[in-house]
Amino acid sequence: MNRLKAFIALSLIASAGVAANAHAWSRVGVWVGGPVYYPYPVAPAPYYYYPPPPVVVAPSAPVQYVEQGQPVADPGAPAQQPGMWYYCDTAKAYYPYVKQCAAAWRPVPATPPPSN
């Protein structure tokens, strides 16, 4: 009987020591109800941001205006007459599609010939 009492006393002392160490490493317990989640257990740290860099605007080149009806002169363009197209024999194409011609520009009437 003395051995049984000594065994129970030692096991209670040992279990108290184990329970103390177990509490230090993990949490063991009985929960009643569901878990409660908080988005922030403590107030979040403030978010510091750098202000945007200053905007530097460099002065631009002066604006060049071109009025309507005054086309910009093309150095390889033929002298145009109203109602005429200009054909380049070396490139085998008409003026707006070919900008310069090695040979002379051949004037062609803009209206097609009448059909029979």
PDB file of N, CA and C in Angstrom:
ATOM      1  N   MET A   1       0.801  -1.159   0.000  1.00  0.00           N
ATOM      2  CA  MET A   1       0.000   0.000   0.000  1.00  0.00           C
ATOM      3  C   MET A   1       0.869   1.258   0.000  1.00  0.00           C
ATOM      4  N   ASN A   2       1.968   1.252   0.709  1.00  0.00           N
ATOM      5  CA  ASN A   2       2.870   2.387   0.743  1.00  0.00           C
ATOM      6  C   ASN A   2       3.489   2.631  -0.632  1.00  0.00           C
ATOM      7  N   ARG A   3       3.738   1.531  -1.316  1.00  0.00           N
ATOM      8  CA  ARG A   3       4.306   1.677  -2.658  1.00  0.00           C
ATOM      9  C   ARG A   3       3.293   2.340  -3.597  1.00  0.00           C
ATOM     10  N   LEU A   4       2.014   1.998  -3.466  1.00  0.00           N
ATOM     11  CA  LEU A   4       0.980   2.581  -4.309  1.00  0.00           C
ATOM     12  C   LEU A   4       0.842   4.079  -4.040  1.00  0.00           C
ATOM     13  N   LYS A   5       0.862   4.480  -2.781  1.00  0.00           N
ATOM     14  CA  LYS A   5       0.776   5.897  -2.438  1.00  0.00           C
ATOM     15  C   LYS A   5       1.997   6.653  -2.957  1.00  0.00           C
ATOM     16  N   ALA A   6       3.174   6.062  -2.863  1.00  0.00           N
ATOM     17  CA  ALA A   6       4.402   6.702  -3.348  1.00  0.00           C
ATOM     18  C   ALA A   6       4.359   6.838  -4.871  1.00  0.00           C
ATOM     19  N   PHE A   7       3.837   5.807  -5.550  1.00  0.00           N
ATOM     20  CA  PHE A   7       3.735   5.837  -7.001  1.00  0.00           C
ATOM     21  C   PHE A   7       2.771   6.928  -7.461  1.00  0.00           C
ATOM     22  N   ILE A   8       1.632   7.057  -6.793  1.00  0.00           N
ATOM     23  CA  ILE A   8       0.636   8.082  -7.138  1.00  0.00           C
ATOM     24  C   ILE A   8       1.204   9.470  -6.876  1.00  0.00           C
ATOM     25  N   ALA A   9       1.901   9.639  -5.769  1.00  0.00           N
ATOM     26  CA  ALA A   9       2.479  10.945  -5.440  1.00  0.00           C
ATOM     27  C   ALA A   9       3.542  11.334  -6.458  1.00  0.00           C
ATOM     28  N   LEU A  10       4.410  10.390  -6.831  1.00  0.00           N
ATOM     29  CA  LEU A  10       5.452  10.682  -7.822  1.00  0.00           C
ATOM     30  C   LEU A  10       4.854  10.966  -9.200  1.00  0.00           C
ATOM     31  N   SER A  11       3.802  10.234  -9.564  1.00  0.00           N
ATOM     32  CA  SER A  11       3.199  10.466 -10.883  1.00  0.00           C
ATOM     33  C   SER A  11       2.503  11.836 -10.930  1.00  0.00           C
ATOM     34  N   LEU A  12       1.886  12.271  -9.830  1.00  0.00           N
ATOM     35  CA  LEU A  12       1.286  13.600  -9.796  1.00  0.00           C
ATOM     36  C   LEU A  12       2.349  14.687  -9.897  1.00  0.00           C
ATOM     37  N   ILE A  13       3.460  14.524  -9.221  1.00  0.00           N
ATOM     38  CA  ILE A  13       4.558  15.505  -9.294  1.00  0.00           C
ATOM     39  C   ILE A  13       5.157  15.541 -10.699  1.00  0.00           C
ATOM     40  N   ALA A  14       5.324  14.343 -11.299  1.00  0.00           N
ATOM     41  CA  ALA A  14       5.897  14.282 -12.647  1.00  0.00           C
ATOM     42  C   ALA A  14       4.940  14.881 -13.667  1.00  0.00           C
ATOM     43  N   SER A  15       3.642  14.606 -13.518  1.00  0.00           N
ATOM     44  CA  SER A  15       2.671  15.140 -14.478  1.00  0.00           C
ATOM     45  C   SER A  15       2.559  16.661 -14.342  1.00  0.00           C
ATOM     46  N   ALA A  16       2.732  17.187 -13.145  1.00  0.00           N
ATOM     47  CA  ALA A  16       2.702  18.641 -12.965  1.00  0.00           C
ATOM     48  C   ALA A  16       3.887  19.283 -13.671  1.00  0.00           C
ATOM     49  N   GLY A  17       5.031  18.668 -13.607  1.00  0.00           N
ATOM     50  CA  GLY A  17       6.215  19.187 -14.306  1.00  0.00           C
ATOM     51  C   GLY A  17       6.061  19.103 -15.817  1.00  0.00           C
ATOM     52  N   VAL A  18       5.486  17.998 -16.294  1.00  0.00           N
ATOM     53  CA  VAL A  18       5.275  17.848 -17.734  1.00  0.00           C
ATOM     54  C   VAL A  18       4.240  18.857 -18.207  1.00  0.00           C
ATOM     55  N   ALA A  19       3.194  19.061 -17.448  1.00  0.00           N
ATOM     56  CA  ALA A  19       2.146  20.012 -17.829  1.00  0.00           C
ATOM     57  C   ALA A  19       2.708  21.430 -17.886  1.00  0.00           C
ATOM     58  N   ALA A  20       3.609  21.758 -16.956  1.00  0.00           N
ATOM     59  CA  ALA A  20       4.204  23.086 -16.974  1.00  0.00           C
ATOM     60  C   ALA A  20       5.046  23.279 -18.230  1.00  0.00           C
ATOM     61  N   ASN A  21       5.827  22.271 -18.614  1.00  0.00           N
ATOM     62  CA  ASN A  21       6.637  22.364 -19.829  1.00  0.00           C
ATOM     63  C   ASN A  21       5.757  22.346 -21.072  1.00  0.00           C
ATOM     64  N   ALA A  22       4.690  21.576 -21.047  1.00  0.00           N
ATOM     65  CA  ALA A  22       3.801  21.518 -22.205  1.00  0.00           C
ATOM     66  C   ALA A  22       3.121  22.863 -22.407  1.00  0.00           C
ATOM     67  N   HIS A  23       2.804  23.530 -21.330  1.00  0.00           N
ATOM     68  CA  HIS A  23       2.181  24.839 -21.450  1.00  0.00           C
ATOM     69  C   HIS A  23       3.158  25.851 -22.049  1.00  0.00           C
ATOM     70  N   ALA A  24       4.420  25.693 -21.786  1.00  0.00           N
ATOM     71  CA  ALA A  24       5.416  26.607 -22.319  1.00  0.00           C
ATOM     72  C   ALA A  24       5.597  26.397 -23.825  1.00  0.00           C
ATOM     73  N   TRP A  25       5.401  25.170 -24.336  1.00  0.00           N
ATOM     74  CA  TRP A  25       5.637  24.890 -25.757  1.00  0.00           C
ATOM     75  C   TRP A  25       4.377  25.013 -26.602  1.00  0.00           C
ATOM     76  N   SER A  26       3.270  24.628 -26.085  1.00  0.00           N
ATOM     77  CA  SER A  26       2.040  24.685 -26.872  1.00  0.00           C
ATOM     78  C   SER A  26       0.864  24.929 -25.949  1.00  0.00           C
ATOM     79  N   ARG A  27      -0.263  25.145 -26.531  1.00  0.00           N
ATOM     80  CA  ARG A  27      -1.463  25.391 -25.736  1.00  0.00           C
ATOM     81  C   ARG A  27      -2.418  24.226 -25.909  1.00  0.00           C
ATOM     82  N   VAL A  28      -2.826  23.691 -24.838  1.00  0.00           N
ATOM     83  CA  VAL A  28      -3.763  22.581 -24.845  1.00  0.00           C
ATOM     84  C   VAL A  28      -4.930  23.013 -23.980  1.00  0.00           C
ATOM     85  N   GLY A  29      -6.150  22.866 -24.497  1.00  0.00           N
ATOM     86  CA  GLY A  29      -7.288  23.262 -23.692  1.00  0.00           C
ATOM     87  C   GLY A  29      -8.579  22.835 -24.351  1.00  0.00           C
ATOM     88  N   VAL A  30      -9.664  23.187 -23.745  1.00  0.00           N
ATOM     89  CA  VAL A  30     -10.988  22.851 -24.249  1.00  0.00           C
ATOM     90  C   VAL A  30     -11.661  24.156 -24.663  1.00  0.00           C
ATOM     91  N   TRP A  31     -12.144  24.195 -25.897  1.00  0.00           N
ATOM     92  CA  TRP A  31     -12.802  25.388 -26.423  1.00  0.00           C
ATOM     93  C   TRP A  31     -14.291  25.119 -26.521  1.00  0.00           C
ATOM     94  N   VAL A  32     -15.065  26.080 -26.157  1.00  0.00           N
ATOM     95  CA  VAL A  32     -16.510  25.977 -26.285  1.00  0.00           C
ATOM     96  C   VAL A  32     -16.939  27.069 -27.248  1.00  0.00           C
ATOM     97  N   GLY A  33     -17.591  26.707 -28.349  1.00  0.00           N
ATOM     98  CA  GLY A  33     -18.002  27.682 -29.355  1.00  0.00           C
ATOM     99  C   GLY A  33     -17.028  27.659 -30.529  1.00  0.00           C
ATOM    100  N   GLY A  34     -17.256  28.546 -31.471  1.00  0.00           N
ATOM    101  CA  GLY A  34     -16.413  28.597 -32.660  1.00  0.00           C
ATOM    102  C   GLY A  34     -15.249  29.548 -32.498  1.00  0.00           C
ATOM    103  N   PRO A  35     -14.324  29.488 -33.436  1.00  0.00           N
ATOM    104  CA  PRO A  35     -13.182  30.409 -33.355  1.00  0.00           C
ATOM    105  C   PRO A  35     -13.627  31.827 -33.712  1.00  0.00           C
ATOM    106  N   VAL A  36     -12.980  32.778 -33.128  1.00  0.00           N
ATOM    107  CA  VAL A  36     -13.250  34.180 -33.396  1.00  0.00           C
ATOM    108  C   VAL A  36     -11.991  34.750 -34.039  1.00  0.00           C
ATOM    109  N   TYR A  37     -12.156  35.314 -35.250  1.00  0.00           N
ATOM    110  CA  TYR A  37     -10.999  35.855 -35.965  1.00  0.00           C
ATOM    111  C   TYR A  37     -11.101  37.377 -35.981  1.00  0.00           C
ATOM    112  N   TYR A  38     -10.021  38.015 -35.673  1.00  0.00           N
ATOM    113  CA  TYR A  38      -9.929  39.459 -35.761  1.00  0.00           C
ATOM    114  C   TYR A  38      -8.975  39.761 -36.901  1.00  0.00           C
ATOM    115  N   PRO A  39      -9.297  40.733 -37.727  1.00  0.00           N
ATOM    116  CA  PRO A  39      -8.377  41.007 -38.844  1.00  0.00           C
ATOM    117  C   PRO A  39      -7.019  41.511 -38.378  1.00  0.00           C
ATOM    118  N   TYR A  40      -7.008  42.316 -37.312  1.00  0.00           N
ATOM    119  CA  TYR A  40      -5.748  42.810 -36.792  1.00  0.00           C
ATOM    120  C   TYR A  40      -5.740  42.585 -35.283  1.00  0.00           C
ATOM    121  N   PRO A  41      -4.866  41.720 -34.803  1.00  0.00           N
ATOM    122  CA  PRO A  41      -4.808  41.527 -33.352  1.00  0.00           C
ATOM    123  C   PRO A  41      -4.351  42.792 -32.632  1.00  0.00           C
ATOM    124  N   VAL A  42      -3.516  43.578 -33.281  1.00  0.00           N
ATOM    125  CA  VAL A  42      -3.101  44.873 -32.757  1.00  0.00           C
ATOM    126  C   VAL A  42      -3.265  45.886 -33.883  1.00  0.00           C
ATOM    127  N   ALA A  43      -3.203  47.139 -33.574  1.00  0.00           N
ATOM    128  CA  ALA A  43      -3.345  48.165 -34.605  1.00  0.00           C
ATOM    129  C   ALA A  43      -2.199  48.027 -35.610  1.00  0.00           C
ATOM    130  N   PRO A  44      -2.512  48.122 -36.898  1.00  0.00           N
ATOM    131  CA  PRO A  44      -1.442  47.984 -37.901  1.00  0.00           C
ATOM    132  C   PRO A  44      -0.485  49.171 -37.848  1.00  0.00           C
ATOM    133  N   ALA A  45       0.739  48.900 -38.215  1.00  0.00           N
ATOM    134  CA  ALA A  45       1.732  49.960 -38.247  1.00  0.00           C
ATOM    135  C   ALA A  45       1.375  50.923 -39.376  1.00  0.00           C
ATOM    136  N   PRO A  46       1.581  52.215 -39.218  1.00  0.00           N
ATOM    137  CA  PRO A  46       1.237  53.154 -40.286  1.00  0.00           C
ATOM    138  C   PRO A  46       2.123  52.916 -41.508  1.00  0.00           C
ATOM    139  N   TYR A  47       1.540  53.105 -42.669  1.00  0.00           N
ATOM    140  CA  TYR A  47       2.270  52.903 -43.926  1.00  0.00           C
ATOM    141  C   TYR A  47       2.830  54.238 -44.384  1.00  0.00           C
ATOM    142  N   TYR A  48       4.120  54.312 -44.429  1.00  0.00           N
ATOM    143  CA  TYR A  48       4.766  55.540 -44.867  1.00  0.00           C
ATOM    144  C   TYR A  48       5.088  55.400 -46.347  1.00  0.00           C
ATOM    145  N   TYR A  49       4.824  56.422 -47.102  1.00  0.00           N
ATOM    146  CA  TYR A  49       5.129  56.394 -48.524  1.00  0.00           C
ATOM    147  C   TYR A  49       5.899  57.656 -48.874  1.00  0.00           C
ATOM    148  N   TYR A  50       6.671  57.518 -49.935  1.00  0.00           N
ATOM    149  CA  TYR A  50       7.432  58.660 -50.401  1.00  0.00           C
ATOM    150  C   TYR A  50       6.546  59.502 -51.305  1.00  0.00           C
ATOM    151  N   PRO A  51       6.628  60.804 -51.235  1.00  0.00           N
ATOM    152  CA  PRO A  51       5.815  61.628 -52.136  1.00  0.00           C
ATOM    153  C   PRO A  51       6.317  61.457 -53.573  1.00  0.00           C
ATOM    154  N   PRO A  52       5.471  61.685 -54.551  1.00  0.00           N
ATOM    155  CA  PRO A  52       5.913  61.515 -55.936  1.00  0.00           C
ATOM    156  C   PRO A  52       6.996  62.535 -56.280  1.00  0.00           C
ATOM    157  N   PRO A  53       7.853  62.184 -57.225  1.00  0.00           N
ATOM    158  CA  PRO A  53       8.917  63.129 -57.593  1.00  0.00           C
ATOM    159  C   PRO A  53       8.316  64.361 -58.275  1.00  0.00           C
ATOM    160  N   PRO A  54       8.981  65.470 -58.200  1.00  0.00           N
ATOM    161  CA  PRO A  54       8.445  66.674 -58.839  1.00  0.00           C
ATOM    162  C   PRO A  54       8.454  66.525 -60.357  1.00  0.00           C
ATOM    163  N   VAL A  55       7.496  67.133 -61.005  1.00  0.00           N
ATOM    164  CA  VAL A  55       7.394  67.077 -62.460  1.00  0.00           C
ATOM    165  C   VAL A  55       8.140  68.267 -63.037  1.00  0.00           C
ATOM    166  N   VAL A  56       9.083  67.965 -63.929  1.00  0.00           N
ATOM    167  CA  VAL A  56       9.866  69.009 -64.575  1.00  0.00           C
ATOM    168  C   VAL A  56       9.453  69.050 -66.034  1.00  0.00           C
ATOM    169  N   VAL A  57       8.989  70.183 -66.485  1.00  0.00           N
ATOM    170  CA  VAL A  57       8.557  70.331 -67.876  1.00  0.00           C
ATOM    171  C   VAL A  57       9.589  71.184 -68.590  1.00  0.00           C
ATOM    172  N   ALA A  58      10.221  70.577 -69.597  1.00  0.00           N
ATOM    173  CA  ALA A  58      11.215  71.305 -70.373  1.00  0.00           C
ATOM    174  C   ALA A  58      10.506  72.120 -71.447  1.00  0.00           C
ATOM    175  N   PRO A  59      11.015  73.264 -71.784  1.00  0.00           N
ATOM    176  CA  PRO A  59      10.376  74.049 -72.839  1.00  0.00           C
ATOM    177  C   PRO A  59      10.492  73.307 -74.173  1.00  0.00           C
ATOM    178  N   SER A  60       9.412  73.316 -74.927  1.00  0.00           N
ATOM    179  CA  SER A  60       9.407  72.605 -76.201  1.00  0.00           C
ATOM    180  C   SER A  60       9.804  73.548 -77.326  1.00  0.00           C
ATOM    181  N   ALA A  61      10.015  72.954 -78.489  1.00  0.00           N
ATOM    182  CA  ALA A  61      10.371  73.739 -79.664  1.00  0.00           C
ATOM    183  C   ALA A  61       9.164  74.581 -80.077  1.00  0.00           C
ATOM    184  N   PRO A  62       9.396  75.686 -80.708  1.00  0.00           N
ATOM    185  CA  PRO A  62       8.261  76.510 -81.131  1.00  0.00           C
ATOM    186  C   PRO A  62       7.394  75.755 -82.139  1.00  0.00           C
ATOM    187  N   VAL A  63       6.111  76.023 -82.090  1.00  0.00           N
ATOM    188  CA  VAL A  63       5.160  75.332 -82.947  1.00  0.00           C
ATOM    189  C   VAL A  63       5.198  75.960 -84.335  1.00  0.00           C
ATOM    190  N   GLN A  64       5.224  75.097 -85.370  1.00  0.00           N
ATOM    191  CA  GLN A  64       5.224  75.584 -86.745  1.00  0.00           C
ATOM    192  C   GLN A  64       3.835  75.329 -87.326  1.00  0.00           C
ATOM    193  N   TYR A  65       3.175  76.375 -87.776  1.00  0.00           N
ATOM    194  CA  TYR A  65       1.838  76.273 -88.316  1.00  0.00           C
ATOM    195  C   TYR A  65       1.896  76.258 -89.840  1.00  0.00           C
ATOM    196  N   VAL A  66       1.066  75.407 -90.452  1.00  0.00           N
ATOM    197  CA  VAL A  66       0.946  75.349 -91.899  1.00  0.00           C
ATOM    198  C   VAL A  66      -0.519  75.572 -92.232  1.00  0.00           C
ATOM    199  N   GLU A  67      -0.800  76.577 -93.033  1.00  0.00           N
ATOM    200  CA  GLU A  67      -2.176  76.860 -93.396  1.00  0.00           C
ATOM    201  C   GLU A  67      -2.652  75.890 -94.461  1.00  0.00           C
ATOM    202  N   GLN A  68      -3.966  75.651 -94.462  1.00  0.00           N
ATOM    203  CA  GLN A  68      -4.534  74.774 -95.465  1.00  0.00           C
ATOM    204  C   GLN A  68      -4.453  75.445 -96.826  1.00  0.00           C
ATOM    205  N   GLY A  69      -4.278  74.611 -97.838  1.00  0.00           N
ATOM    206  CA  GLY A  69      -4.188  75.132 -99.191  1.00  0.00           C
ATOM    207  C   GLY A  69      -2.777  75.477 -99.596  1.00  0.00           C
ATOM    208  N   GLN A  70      -1.837  75.395 -98.678  1.00  0.00           N
ATOM    209  CA  GLN A  70      -0.453  75.655 -98.998  1.00  0.00           C
ATOM    210  C   GLN A  70       0.347  74.392 -98.714  1.00  0.00           C
ATOM    211  N   PRO A  71       0.434  73.480 -99.680  1.00  0.00           N
ATOM    212  CA  PRO A  71       1.160  72.234 -99.441  1.00  0.00           C
ATOM    213  C   PRO A  71       2.653  72.493 -99.267  1.00  0.00           C
ATOM    214  N   VAL A  72       3.257  71.645 -98.502  1.00  0.00           N
ATOM    215  CA  VAL A  72       4.692  71.740 -98.293  1.00  0.00           C
ATOM    216  C   VAL A  72       5.376  71.290 -99.573  1.00  0.00           C
ATOM    217  N   ALA A  73       6.345  72.046-100.034  1.00  0.00           N
ATOM    218  CA  ALA A  73       7.009  71.754-101.306  1.00  0.00           C
ATOM    219  C   ALA A  73       7.846  70.489-101.180  1.00  0.00           C
ATOM    220  N   ASP A  74       7.623  69.561-102.103  1.00  0.00           N
ATOM    221  CA  ASP A  74       8.403  68.327-102.183  1.00  0.00           C
ATOM    222  C   ASP A  74       9.436  68.515-103.279  1.00  0.00           C
ATOM    223  N   PRO A  75      10.738  68.345-102.989  1.00  0.00           N
ATOM    224  CA  PRO A  75      11.741  68.657-104.021  1.00  0.00           C
ATOM    225  C   PRO A  75      11.655  67.742-105.242  1.00  0.00           C
ATOM    226  N   GLY A  76      11.183  66.516-105.099  1.00  0.00           N
ATOM    227  CA  GLY A  76      11.119  65.616-106.252  1.00  0.00           C
ATOM    228  C   GLY A  76       9.777  65.608-106.935  1.00  0.00           C
ATOM    229  N   ALA A  77       8.836  66.396-106.446  1.00  0.00           N
ATOM    230  CA  ALA A  77       7.484  66.391-107.021  1.00  0.00           C
ATOM    231  C   ALA A  77       7.459  67.194-108.317  1.00  0.00           C
ATOM    232  N   PRO A  78       6.605  66.770-109.234  1.00  0.00           N
ATOM    233  CA  PRO A  78       6.491  67.523-110.493  1.00  0.00           C
ATOM    234  C   PRO A  78       5.666  68.790-110.284  1.00  0.00           C
ATOM    235  N   ALA A  79       5.807  69.724-111.197  1.00  0.00           N
ATOM    236  CA  ALA A  79       4.971  70.929-111.158  1.00  0.00           C
ATOM    237  C   ALA A  79       3.579  70.510-111.585  1.00  0.00           C
ATOM    238  N   GLN A  80       2.631  70.618-110.677  1.00  0.00           N
ATOM    239  CA  GLN A  80       1.314  70.041-110.937  1.00  0.00           C
ATOM    240  C   GLN A  80       0.393  71.033-111.632  1.00  0.00           C
ATOM    241  N   GLN A  81      -0.395  70.466-112.554  1.00  0.00           N
ATOM    242  CA  GLN A  81      -1.441  71.215-113.226  1.00  0.00           C
ATOM    243  C   GLN A  81      -2.759  70.536-112.880  1.00  0.00           C
ATOM    244  N   PRO A  82      -3.847  71.279-112.768  1.00  0.00           N
ATOM    245  CA  PRO A  82      -5.118  70.644-112.433  1.00  0.00           C
ATOM    246  C   PRO A  82      -5.579  69.701-113.542  1.00  0.00           C
ATOM    247  N   GLY A  83      -6.122  68.556-113.137  1.00  0.00           N
ATOM    248  CA  GLY A  83      -6.649  67.581-114.084  1.00  0.00           C
ATOM    249  C   GLY A  83      -5.585  66.677-114.682  1.00  0.00           C
ATOM    250  N   MET A  84      -4.389  66.677-114.135  1.00  0.00           N
ATOM    251  CA  MET A  84      -3.310  65.839-114.675  1.00  0.00           C
ATOM    252  C   MET A  84      -2.741  64.949-113.575  1.00  0.00           C
ATOM    253  N   TRP A  85      -2.398  63.734-113.973  1.00  0.00           N
ATOM    254  CA  TRP A  85      -1.638  62.831-113.111  1.00  0.00           C
ATOM    255  C   TRP A  85      -0.252  62.742-113.704  1.00  0.00           C
ATOM    256  N   TYR A  86       0.708  62.324-112.878  1.00  0.00           N
ATOM    257  CA  TYR A  86       2.089  62.259-113.348  1.00  0.00           C
ATOM    258  C   TYR A  86       2.616  60.853-113.143  1.00  0.00           C
ATOM    259  N   TYR A  87       3.161  60.277-114.216  1.00  0.00           N
ATOM    260  CA  TYR A  87       3.603  58.889-114.245  1.00  0.00           C
ATOM    261  C   TYR A  87       5.111  58.854-114.388  1.00  0.00           C
ATOM    262  N   CYS A  88       5.754  57.945-113.619  1.00  0.00           N
ATOM    263  CA  CYS A  88       7.196  57.758-113.709  1.00  0.00           C
ATOM    264  C   CYS A  88       7.438  56.454-114.454  1.00  0.00           C
ATOM    265  N   ASP A  89       8.122  56.531-115.590  1.00  0.00           N
ATOM    266  CA  ASP A  89       8.362  55.336-116.404  1.00  0.00           C
ATOM    267  C   ASP A  89       9.380  54.398-115.751  1.00  0.00           C
ATOM    268  N   THR A  90      10.369  54.925-115.042  1.00  0.00           N
ATOM    269  CA  THR A  90      11.383  54.052-114.435  1.00  0.00           C
ATOM    270  C   THR A  90      10.817  53.279-113.249  1.00  0.00           C
ATOM    271  N   ALA A  91       9.947  53.906-112.452  1.00  0.00           N
ATOM    272  CA  ALA A  91       9.360  53.231-111.294  1.00  0.00           C
ATOM    273  C   ALA A  91       8.062  52.519-111.644  1.00  0.00           C
ATOM    274  N   LYS A  92       7.456  52.856-112.793  1.00  0.00           N
ATOM    275  CA  LYS A  92       6.189  52.282-113.258  1.00  0.00           C
ATOM    276  C   LYS A  92       5.087  52.488-112.221  1.00  0.00           C
ATOM    277  N   ALA A  93       4.953  53.750-111.742  1.00  0.00           N
ATOM    278  CA  ALA A  93       3.929  54.106-110.766  1.00  0.00           C
ATOM    279  C   ALA A  93       3.626  55.589-110.890  1.00  0.00           C
ATOM    280  N   TYR A  94       2.501  56.018-110.321  1.00  0.00           N
ATOM    281  CA  TYR A  94       2.082  57.415-110.370  1.00  0.00           C
ATOM    282  C   TYR A  94       2.649  58.209-109.200  1.00  0.00           C
ATOM    283  N   TYR A  95       2.470  59.547-109.290  1.00  0.00           N
ATOM    284  CA  TYR A  95       3.152  60.467-108.370  1.00  0.00           C
ATOM    285  C   TYR A  95       2.906  60.263-106.879  1.00  0.00           C
ATOM    286  N   PRO A  96       1.736  60.212-106.374  1.00  0.00           N
ATOM    287  CA  PRO A  96       1.691  60.170-104.900  1.00  0.00           C
ATOM    288  C   PRO A  96       2.325  58.909-104.323  1.00  0.00           C
ATOM    289  N   TYR A  97       2.402  57.845-105.125  1.00  0.00           N
ATOM    290  CA  TYR A  97       2.980  56.585-104.631  1.00  0.00           C
ATOM    291  C   TYR A  97       4.492  56.561-104.787  1.00  0.00           C
ATOM    292  N   VAL A  98       5.018  57.332-105.725  1.00  0.00           N
ATOM    293  CA  VAL A  98       6.467  57.447-105.914  1.00  0.00           C
ATOM    294  C   VAL A  98       6.802  58.914-105.718  1.00  0.00           C
ATOM    295  N   LYS A  99       7.697  59.201-104.801  1.00  0.00           N
ATOM    296  CA  LYS A  99       8.000  60.593-104.474  1.00  0.00           C
ATOM    297  C   LYS A  99       9.018  61.217-105.428  1.00  0.00           C
ATOM    298  N   GLN A 100       9.959  60.435-105.914  1.00  0.00           N
ATOM    299  CA  GLN A 100      10.977  60.967-106.822  1.00  0.00           C
ATOM    300  C   GLN A 100      11.128  60.041-108.010  1.00  0.00           C
ATOM    301  N   CYS A 101      11.421  60.630-109.132  1.00  0.00           N
ATOM    302  CA  CYS A 101      11.580  59.855-110.364  1.00  0.00           C
ATOM    303  C   CYS A 101      12.951  60.157-110.952  1.00  0.00           C
ATOM    304  N   ALA A 102      13.651  59.099-111.373  1.00  0.00           N
ATOM    305  CA  ALA A 102      14.980  59.300-111.959  1.00  0.00           C
ATOM    306  C   ALA A 102      14.863  59.951-113.333  1.00  0.00           C
ATOM    307  N   ALA A 103      13.855  59.575-114.081  1.00  0.00           N
ATOM    308  CA  ALA A 103      13.620  60.190-115.393  1.00  0.00           C
ATOM    309  C   ALA A 103      12.623  61.328-115.216  1.00  0.00           C
ATOM    310  N   ALA A 104      12.175  61.874-116.314  1.00  0.00           N
ATOM    311  CA  ALA A 104      11.203  62.975-116.266  1.00  0.00           C
ATOM    312  C   ALA A 104       9.815  62.414-116.000  1.00  0.00           C
ATOM    313  N   TRP A 105       8.977  63.214-115.328  1.00  0.00           N
ATOM    314  CA  TRP A 105       7.599  62.826-115.067  1.00  0.00           C
ATOM    315  C   TRP A 105       6.803  62.983-116.357  1.00  0.00           C
ATOM    316  N   ARG A 106       5.940  62.012-116.655  1.00  0.00           N
ATOM    317  CA  ARG A 106       5.105  62.065-117.857  1.00  0.00           C
ATOM    318  C   ARG A 106       3.698  62.443-117.431  1.00  0.00           C
ATOM    319  N   PRO A 107       3.157  63.581-117.929  1.00  0.00           N
ATOM    320  CA  PRO A 107       1.792  63.957-117.565  1.00  0.00           C
ATOM    321  C   PRO A 107       0.780  63.067-118.261  1.00  0.00           C
ATOM    322  N   VAL A 108      -0.239  62.646-117.504  1.00  0.00           N
ATOM    323  CA  VAL A 108      -1.295  61.786-118.016  1.00  0.00           C
ATOM    324  C   VAL A 108      -2.614  62.455-117.661  1.00  0.00           C
ATOM    325  N   PRO A 109      -3.609  62.505-118.569  1.00  0.00           N
ATOM    326  CA  PRO A 109      -4.890  63.108-118.220  1.00  0.00           C
ATOM    327  C   PRO A 109      -5.545  62.338-117.081  1.00  0.00           C
ATOM    328  N   ALA A 110      -6.174  63.056-116.159  1.00  0.00           N
ATOM    329  CA  ALA A 110      -6.760  62.435-114.986  1.00  0.00           C
ATOM    330  C   ALA A 110      -8.043  61.706-115.318  1.00  0.00           C
ATOM    331  N   THR A 111      -8.779  62.141-116.343  1.00  0.00           N
ATOM    332  CA  THR A 111     -10.011  61.467-116.720  1.00  0.00           C
ATOM    333  C   THR A 111      -9.688  60.360-117.712  1.00  0.00           C
ATOM    334  N   PRO A 112     -10.296  59.194-117.527  1.00  0.00           N
ATOM    335  CA  PRO A 112     -10.025  58.117-118.466  1.00  0.00           C
ATOM    336  C   PRO A 112     -10.675  58.425-119.829  1.00  0.00           C
ATOM    337  N   PRO A 113     -10.177  57.810-120.872  1.00  0.00           N
ATOM    338  CA  PRO A 113     -10.784  58.033-122.184  1.00  0.00           C
ATOM    339  C   PRO A 113     -12.178  57.463-122.227  1.00  0.00           C
ATOM    340  N   PRO A 114     -13.071  58.033-123.030  1.00  0.00           N
ATOM    341  CA  PRO A 114     -14.433  57.511-123.085  1.00  0.00           C
ATOM    342  C   PRO A 114     -14.480  56.094-123.610  1.00  0.00           C
ATOM    343  N   SER A 115     -15.370  55.285-123.058  1.00  0.00           N
ATOM    344  CA  SER A 115     -15.487  53.902-123.511  1.00  0.00           C
ATOM    345  C   SER A 115     -16.498  53.825-124.641  1.00  0.00           C
ATOM    346  N   ASN A 116     -16.346  52.837-125.513  1.00  0.00           N
ATOM    347  CA  ASN A 116     -17.247  52.679-126.670  1.00  0.00           C
ATOM    348  C   ASN A 116     -18.516  52.064-126.276  1.00  0.00           C
TER     349      ASN A 116
END
